[in-house]
Amino acid sequence: MASSLQLSLLIFVLLHAILLLPNPVYCNDEEDNLLQGLNSYRNSLSLPALAKNDKAGCLADEVADVLEDKPCIPNMGPITAAPGSQPQIPNYTDLLKKCDIDPNTTREGVILPVCVPNHIETLMLTNYTHTQYSKHLNNSKYTGAGVGSEDDWMVVVLTTNTPSGSFASTSNAGNGVSKIGSSRCSVLLVLGVFLVMLM
């Protein structure tokens, strides 16, 4: 009877542990390799490396999804917004909401889409470092980056460490609540495992 109770508790705790795990992290070697290549390029210019920015990465993925069905133009140019306007991307505001990005924190950012058939890594990197995009990569005001891809498209979103270019969340209060909820769940999970071990 006791072992049946222990087994039931263990299954209960394991199921809850699986359900409470954060979303899985998907790795994309092409995206990681591109960011590493861009950072090597910046290092050769004595510029600091671009830190990975998850919100910018989300937006880069969303923009790549929008471009997926567009004709492949190897270097279509940066997508930037004039002061007080939005970039010319369909449903841009919806993409920001989907990634939980405050629009006011994107004004200094820049979106750099590139299309290279079959994602040939050397051509991809060259399209960023030896074209008009290089002026952005050579600029020390950019401190972070997010990379996304879809089919032949690769998108880099550059961010700054200023309030108007950080690509921060829309609501810090909402994040605080979720962190508190997550902390409570973690404590309950640890207590549950501890109780099972005691039995």
C-alpha atoms as a PDB file:
ATOM      1  CA  MET A   1       0.000   0.000   0.000  1.00  0.00           C
ATOM      2  CA  ALA A   2       2.786   2.408   0.911  1.00  0.00           C
ATOM      3  CA  SER A   3       4.676   1.705  -2.319  1.00  0.00           C
ATOM      4  CA  SER A   4       1.498   2.275  -4.333  1.00  0.00           C
ATOM      5  CA  LEU A   5       1.052   5.655  -2.611  1.00  0.00           C
ATOM      6  CA  GLN A   6       4.696   6.520  -3.270  1.00  0.00           C
ATOM      7  CA  LEU A   7       4.386   5.560  -6.931  1.00  0.00           C
ATOM      8  CA  SER A   8       1.220   7.649  -7.283  1.00  0.00           C
ATOM      9  CA  LEU A   9       2.902  10.648  -5.671  1.00  0.00           C
ATOM     10  CA  LEU A  10       5.973  10.233  -7.838  1.00  0.00           C
ATOM     11  CA  ILE A  11       3.889  10.102 -11.026  1.00  0.00           C
ATOM     12  CA  PHE A  12       1.876  13.118  -9.843  1.00  0.00           C
ATOM     13  CA  VAL A  13       5.043  15.127  -9.177  1.00  0.00           C
ATOM     14  CA  LEU A  14       6.714  14.087 -12.451  1.00  0.00           C
ATOM     15  CA  LEU A  15       3.669  15.037 -14.499  1.00  0.00           C
ATOM     16  CA  HIS A  16       3.554  18.430 -12.838  1.00  0.00           C
ATOM     17  CA  ALA A  17       7.295  18.867 -13.362  1.00  0.00           C
ATOM     18  CA  ILE A  18       6.898  18.189 -17.086  1.00  0.00           C
ATOM     19  CA  LEU A  19       3.963  20.576 -17.365  1.00  0.00           C
ATOM     20  CA  LEU A  20       5.815  23.321 -15.502  1.00  0.00           C
ATOM     21  CA  LEU A  21       8.979  23.176 -17.582  1.00  0.00           C
ATOM     22  CA  PRO A  22       9.580  26.323 -19.620  1.00  0.00           C
ATOM     23  CA  ASN A  23       9.023  26.203 -23.356  1.00  0.00           C
ATOM     24  CA  PRO A  24      11.665  24.097 -25.066  1.00  0.00           C
ATOM     25  CA  VAL A  25      14.610  25.901 -26.566  1.00  0.00           C
ATOM     26  CA  TYR A  26      15.109  25.273 -30.238  1.00  0.00           C
ATOM     27  CA  CYS A  27      18.614  25.672 -31.552  1.00  0.00           C
ATOM     28  CA  ASN A  28      19.325  26.726 -35.083  1.00  0.00           C
ATOM     29  CA  ASP A  29      22.950  26.172 -36.030  1.00  0.00           C
ATOM     30  CA  GLU A  30      22.716  28.460 -39.076  1.00  0.00           C
ATOM     31  CA  GLU A  31      21.431  31.331 -36.949  1.00  0.00           C
ATOM     32  CA  ASP A  32      24.015  30.699 -34.217  1.00  0.00           C
ATOM     33  CA  ASN A  33      26.813  30.453 -36.796  1.00  0.00           C
ATOM     34  CA  LEU A  34      25.728  33.724 -38.408  1.00  0.00           C
ATOM     35  CA  LEU A  35      25.725  35.546 -35.068  1.00  0.00           C
ATOM     36  CA  GLN A  36      29.135  34.077 -34.289  1.00  0.00           C
ATOM     37  CA  GLY A  37      30.397  35.232 -37.709  1.00  0.00           C
ATOM     38  CA  LEU A  38      29.009  38.723 -37.169  1.00  0.00           C
ATOM     39  CA  ASN A  39      30.701  38.880 -33.784  1.00  0.00           C
ATOM     40  CA  SER A  40      34.014  37.743 -35.311  1.00  0.00           C
ATOM     41  CA  TYR A  41      33.632  40.503 -37.888  1.00  0.00           C
ATOM     42  CA  ARG A  42      32.962  43.079 -35.154  1.00  0.00           C
ATOM     43  CA  ASN A  43      35.882  41.740 -33.137  1.00  0.00           C
ATOM     44  CA  SER A  44      38.169  42.353 -36.131  1.00  0.00           C
ATOM     45  CA  LEU A  45      37.042  45.998 -35.970  1.00  0.00           C
ATOM     46  CA  SER A  46      37.664  46.160 -32.186  1.00  0.00           C
ATOM     47  CA  LEU A  47      33.928  46.454 -31.529  1.00  0.00           C
ATOM     48  CA  PRO A  48      32.183  44.589 -28.708  1.00  0.00           C
ATOM     49  CA  ALA A  49      30.292  41.409 -29.525  1.00  0.00           C
ATOM     50  CA  LEU A  50      26.546  41.585 -30.064  1.00  0.00           C
ATOM     51  CA  ALA A  51      24.715  39.990 -27.137  1.00  0.00           C
ATOM     52  CA  LYS A  52      21.890  37.607 -28.017  1.00  0.00           C
ATOM     53  CA  ASN A  53      18.548  39.391 -27.499  1.00  0.00           C
ATOM     54  CA  ASP A  54      15.641  36.929 -27.228  1.00  0.00           C
ATOM     55  CA  LYS A  55      12.918  39.509 -27.980  1.00  0.00           C
ATOM     56  CA  ALA A  56      14.792  40.652 -31.094  1.00  0.00           C
ATOM     57  CA  GLY A  57      15.228  36.976 -32.014  1.00  0.00           C
ATOM     58  CA  CYS A  58      11.479  36.466 -31.773  1.00  0.00           C
ATOM     59  CA  LEU A  59      10.867  39.483 -34.017  1.00  0.00           C
ATOM     60  CA  ALA A  60      13.518  38.270 -36.485  1.00  0.00           C
ATOM     61  CA  ASP A  61      11.714  34.906 -36.710  1.00  0.00           C
ATOM     62  CA  GLU A  62       8.367  36.634 -37.253  1.00  0.00           C
ATOM     63  CA  VAL A  63       9.763  38.911 -39.982  1.00  0.00           C
ATOM     64  CA  ALA A  64      11.386  35.889 -41.662  1.00  0.00           C
ATOM     65  CA  ASP A  65       7.964  34.202 -41.646  1.00  0.00           C
ATOM     66  CA  VAL A  66       6.468  37.271 -43.370  1.00  0.00           C
ATOM     67  CA  LEU A  67       9.241  37.272 -46.005  1.00  0.00           C
ATOM     68  CA  GLU A  68       9.074  33.506 -46.576  1.00  0.00           C
ATOM     69  CA  ASP A  69       6.786  33.788 -49.621  1.00  0.00           C
ATOM     70  CA  LYS A  70       8.452  36.905 -51.068  1.00  0.00           C
ATOM     71  CA  PRO A  71      10.778  36.655 -54.072  1.00  0.00           C
ATOM     72  CA  CYS A  72      14.364  36.039 -53.056  1.00  0.00           C
ATOM     73  CA  ILE A  73      16.216  39.366 -53.325  1.00  0.00           C
ATOM     74  CA  PRO A  74      19.784  38.789 -52.089  1.00  0.00           C
ATOM     75  CA  ASN A  75      20.229  42.202 -50.440  1.00  0.00           C
ATOM     76  CA  MET A  76      16.953  44.062 -50.242  1.00  0.00           C
ATOM     77  CA  GLY A  77      18.272  46.699 -47.847  1.00  0.00           C
ATOM     78  CA  PRO A  78      17.698  47.410 -44.177  1.00  0.00           C
ATOM     79  CA  ILE A  79      14.195  47.839 -42.855  1.00  0.00           C
ATOM     80  CA  THR A  80      14.224  50.860 -40.598  1.00  0.00           C
ATOM     81  CA  ALA A  81      11.624  53.317 -39.444  1.00  0.00           C
ATOM     82  CA  ALA A  82      11.820  57.071 -39.821  1.00  0.00           C
ATOM     83  CA  PRO A  83      11.378  58.847 -36.475  1.00  0.00           C
ATOM     84  CA  GLY A  84       7.768  58.561 -35.393  1.00  0.00           C
ATOM     85  CA  SER A  85       6.872  55.869 -37.945  1.00  0.00           C
ATOM     86  CA  GLN A  86       6.926  52.094 -38.228  1.00  0.00           C
ATOM     87  CA  PRO A  87       8.945  49.855 -40.559  1.00  0.00           C
ATOM     88  CA  GLN A  88       7.211  48.863 -43.784  1.00  0.00           C
ATOM     89  CA  ILE A  89       6.396  45.308 -42.679  1.00  0.00           C
ATOM     90  CA  PRO A  90       2.849  43.963 -42.932  1.00  0.00           C
ATOM     91  CA  ASN A  91       1.227  43.664 -39.497  1.00  0.00           C
ATOM     92  CA  TYR A  92       4.370  44.998 -37.770  1.00  0.00           C
ATOM     93  CA  THR A  93       2.401  45.982 -34.648  1.00  0.00           C
ATOM     94  CA  ASP A  94       0.942  42.465 -34.427  1.00  0.00           C
ATOM     95  CA  LEU A  95       4.444  40.962 -34.690  1.00  0.00           C
ATOM     96  CA  LEU A  96       5.612  43.155 -31.802  1.00  0.00           C
ATOM     97  CA  LYS A  97       2.623  42.054 -29.704  1.00  0.00           C
ATOM     98  CA  LYS A  98       3.284  38.408 -30.517  1.00  0.00           C
ATOM     99  CA  CYS A  99       6.841  38.833 -29.216  1.00  0.00           C
ATOM    100  CA  ASP A 100       5.726  40.953 -26.223  1.00  0.00           C
ATOM    101  CA  ILE A 101       7.822  43.936 -27.349  1.00  0.00           C
ATOM    102  CA  ASP A 102       6.955  47.522 -26.431  1.00  0.00           C
ATOM    103  CA  PRO A 103       6.921  49.487 -29.742  1.00  0.00           C
ATOM    104  CA  ASN A 104       8.579  52.437 -27.973  1.00  0.00           C
ATOM    105  CA  THR A 105      11.667  50.279 -27.373  1.00  0.00           C
ATOM    106  CA  THR A 106      12.265  49.541 -31.079  1.00  0.00           C
ATOM    107  CA  ARG A 107      12.861  53.017 -32.538  1.00  0.00           C
ATOM    108  CA  GLU A 108      16.652  52.737 -32.610  1.00  0.00           C
ATOM    109  CA  GLY A 109      16.698  49.146 -33.826  1.00  0.00           C
ATOM    110  CA  VAL A 110      17.242  48.003 -37.360  1.00  0.00           C
ATOM    111  CA  ILE A 111      15.993  44.935 -39.243  1.00  0.00           C
ATOM    112  CA  LEU A 112      18.399  43.432 -41.779  1.00  0.00           C
ATOM    113  CA  PRO A 113      16.852  40.771 -44.066  1.00  0.00           C
ATOM    114  CA  VAL A 114      18.971  38.741 -46.487  1.00  0.00           C
ATOM    115  CA  CYS A 115      17.962  36.018 -48.913  1.00  0.00           C
ATOM    116  CA  VAL A 116      20.527  33.443 -49.995  1.00  0.00           C
ATOM    117  CA  PRO A 117      19.317  30.269 -51.744  1.00  0.00           C
ATOM    118  CA  ASN A 118      20.228  27.175 -49.713  1.00  0.00           C
ATOM    119  CA  HIS A 119      21.559  29.360 -46.863  1.00  0.00           C
ATOM    120  CA  ILE A 120      25.191  29.124 -47.964  1.00  0.00           C
ATOM    121  CA  GLU A 121      26.852  30.379 -44.786  1.00  0.00           C
ATOM    122  CA  THR A 122      29.766  32.230 -46.381  1.00  0.00           C
ATOM    123  CA  LEU A 123      27.442  34.076 -48.770  1.00  0.00           C
ATOM    124  CA  MET A 124      25.072  34.858 -45.927  1.00  0.00           C
ATOM    125  CA  LEU A 125      27.853  36.397 -43.842  1.00  0.00           C
ATOM    126  CA  THR A 126      29.218  38.293 -46.869  1.00  0.00           C
ATOM    127  CA  ASN A 127      25.750  39.740 -47.496  1.00  0.00           C
ATOM    128  CA  TYR A 128      25.931  41.286 -44.031  1.00  0.00           C
ATOM    129  CA  THR A 129      29.582  42.331 -43.837  1.00  0.00           C
ATOM    130  CA  HIS A 130      30.343  43.509 -47.394  1.00  0.00           C
ATOM    131  CA  THR A 131      27.176  45.410 -48.309  1.00  0.00           C
ATOM    132  CA  GLN A 132      25.266  48.441 -47.089  1.00  0.00           C
ATOM    133  CA  TYR A 133      24.473  46.436 -43.925  1.00  0.00           C
ATOM    134  CA  SER A 134      28.077  46.754 -42.791  1.00  0.00           C
ATOM    135  CA  LYS A 135      27.520  50.372 -41.715  1.00  0.00           C
ATOM    136  CA  HIS A 136      25.083  49.087 -39.087  1.00  0.00           C
ATOM    137  CA  LEU A 137      27.381  46.274 -37.998  1.00  0.00           C
ATOM    138  CA  ASN A 138      30.271  48.749 -37.776  1.00  0.00           C
ATOM    139  CA  ASN A 139      28.263  51.013 -35.478  1.00  0.00           C
ATOM    140  CA  SER A 140      29.114  50.614 -31.791  1.00  0.00           C
ATOM    141  CA  LYS A 141      25.652  51.823 -30.717  1.00  0.00           C
ATOM    142  CA  TYR A 142      24.310  48.374 -31.597  1.00  0.00           C
ATOM    143  CA  THR A 143      24.942  46.055 -28.662  1.00  0.00           C
ATOM    144  CA  GLY A 144      22.512  43.179 -29.176  1.00  0.00           C
ATOM    145  CA  ALA A 145      21.067  41.047 -31.930  1.00  0.00           C
ATOM    146  CA  GLY A 146      18.354  38.566 -32.648  1.00  0.00           C
ATOM    147  CA  VAL A 147      18.527  36.202 -35.615  1.00  0.00           C
ATOM    148  CA  GLY A 148      15.683  34.394 -37.328  1.00  0.00           C
ATOM    149  CA  SER A 149      15.325  32.377 -40.508  1.00  0.00           C
ATOM    150  CA  GLU A 150      12.758  30.832 -42.782  1.00  0.00           C
ATOM    151  CA  ASP A 151      13.474  29.012 -46.041  1.00  0.00           C
ATOM    152  CA  ASP A 152      16.117  31.061 -47.880  1.00  0.00           C
ATOM    153  CA  TRP A 153      15.583  34.169 -45.728  1.00  0.00           C
ATOM    154  CA  MET A 154      17.760  35.182 -42.793  1.00  0.00           C
ATOM    155  CA  VAL A 155      16.856  38.198 -40.660  1.00  0.00           C
ATOM    156  CA  VAL A 156      19.075  39.984 -38.154  1.00  0.00           C
ATOM    157  CA  VAL A 157      17.533  42.518 -35.772  1.00  0.00           C
ATOM    158  CA  LEU A 158      20.067  44.842 -34.134  1.00  0.00           C
ATOM    159  CA  THR A 159      19.288  46.401 -30.757  1.00  0.00           C
ATOM    160  CA  THR A 160      20.852  49.063 -28.560  1.00  0.00           C
ATOM    161  CA  ASN A 161      21.229  49.287 -24.794  1.00  0.00           C
ATOM    162  CA  THR A 162      19.082  52.436 -24.657  1.00  0.00           C
ATOM    163  CA  PRO A 163      15.390  52.528 -23.692  1.00  0.00           C
ATOM    164  CA  SER A 164      14.395  53.301 -27.291  1.00  0.00           C
ATOM    165  CA  GLY A 165      16.341  50.410 -28.790  1.00  0.00           C
ATOM    166  CA  SER A 166      16.329  47.630 -26.203  1.00  0.00           C
ATOM    167  CA  PHE A 167      13.295  45.712 -27.554  1.00  0.00           C
ATOM    168  CA  ALA A 168      12.018  45.354 -23.975  1.00  0.00           C
ATOM    169  CA  SER A 169       8.747  43.750 -22.906  1.00  0.00           C
ATOM    170  CA  THR A 170       5.485  45.637 -23.049  1.00  0.00           C
ATOM    171  CA  SER A 171       4.804  45.225 -19.334  1.00  0.00           C
ATOM    172  CA  ASN A 172       7.281  44.736 -16.554  1.00  0.00           C
ATOM    173  CA  ALA A 173       4.395  44.178 -14.132  1.00  0.00           C
ATOM    174  CA  GLY A 174       3.190  41.178 -16.138  1.00  0.00           C
ATOM    175  CA  ASN A 175       6.664  39.708 -16.126  1.00  0.00           C
ATOM    176  CA  GLY A 176       6.921  40.122 -12.354  1.00  0.00           C
ATOM    177  CA  VAL A 177       3.697  38.235 -11.809  1.00  0.00           C
ATOM    178  CA  SER A 178       4.787  35.354 -14.004  1.00  0.00           C
ATOM    179  CA  LYS A 179       8.151  35.164 -12.235  1.00  0.00           C
ATOM    180  CA  ILE A 180       6.403  35.023  -8.863  1.00  0.00           C
ATOM    181  CA  GLY A 181       4.059  32.314 -10.142  1.00  0.00           C
ATOM    182  CA  SER A 182       6.962  30.400 -11.586  1.00  0.00           C
ATOM    183  CA  SER A 183       8.899  30.655  -8.309  1.00  0.00           C
ATOM    184  CA  ARG A 184       5.937  29.313  -6.342  1.00  0.00           C
ATOM    185  CA  CYS A 185       5.581  26.400  -8.726  1.00  0.00           C
ATOM    186  CA  SER A 186       9.286  25.603  -8.431  1.00  0.00           C
ATOM    187  CA  VAL A 187       9.099  25.626  -4.626  1.00  0.00           C
ATOM    188  CA  LEU A 188       6.051  23.353  -4.686  1.00  0.00           C
ATOM    189  CA  LEU A 189       7.792  21.008  -7.091  1.00  0.00           C
ATOM    190  CA  VAL A 190      10.891  20.762  -4.886  1.00  0.00           C
ATOM    191  CA  LEU A 191       8.715  20.170  -1.809  1.00  0.00           C
ATOM    192  CA  GLY A 192       6.800  17.442  -3.632  1.00  0.00           C
ATOM    193  CA  VAL A 193       9.986  15.652  -4.678  1.00  0.00           C
ATOM    194  CA  PHE A 194      11.336  15.964  -1.131  1.00  0.00           C
ATOM    195  CA  LEU A 195       8.149  14.465   0.330  1.00  0.00           C
ATOM    196  CA  VAL A 196       8.272  11.535  -2.108  1.00  0.00           C
ATOM    197  CA  MET A 197      11.882  10.865  -1.143  1.00  0.00           C
ATOM    198  CA  LEU A 198      10.963  10.823   2.558  1.00  0.00           C
ATOM    199  CA  MET A 199       8.303   8.157   2.057  1.00  0.00           C
END
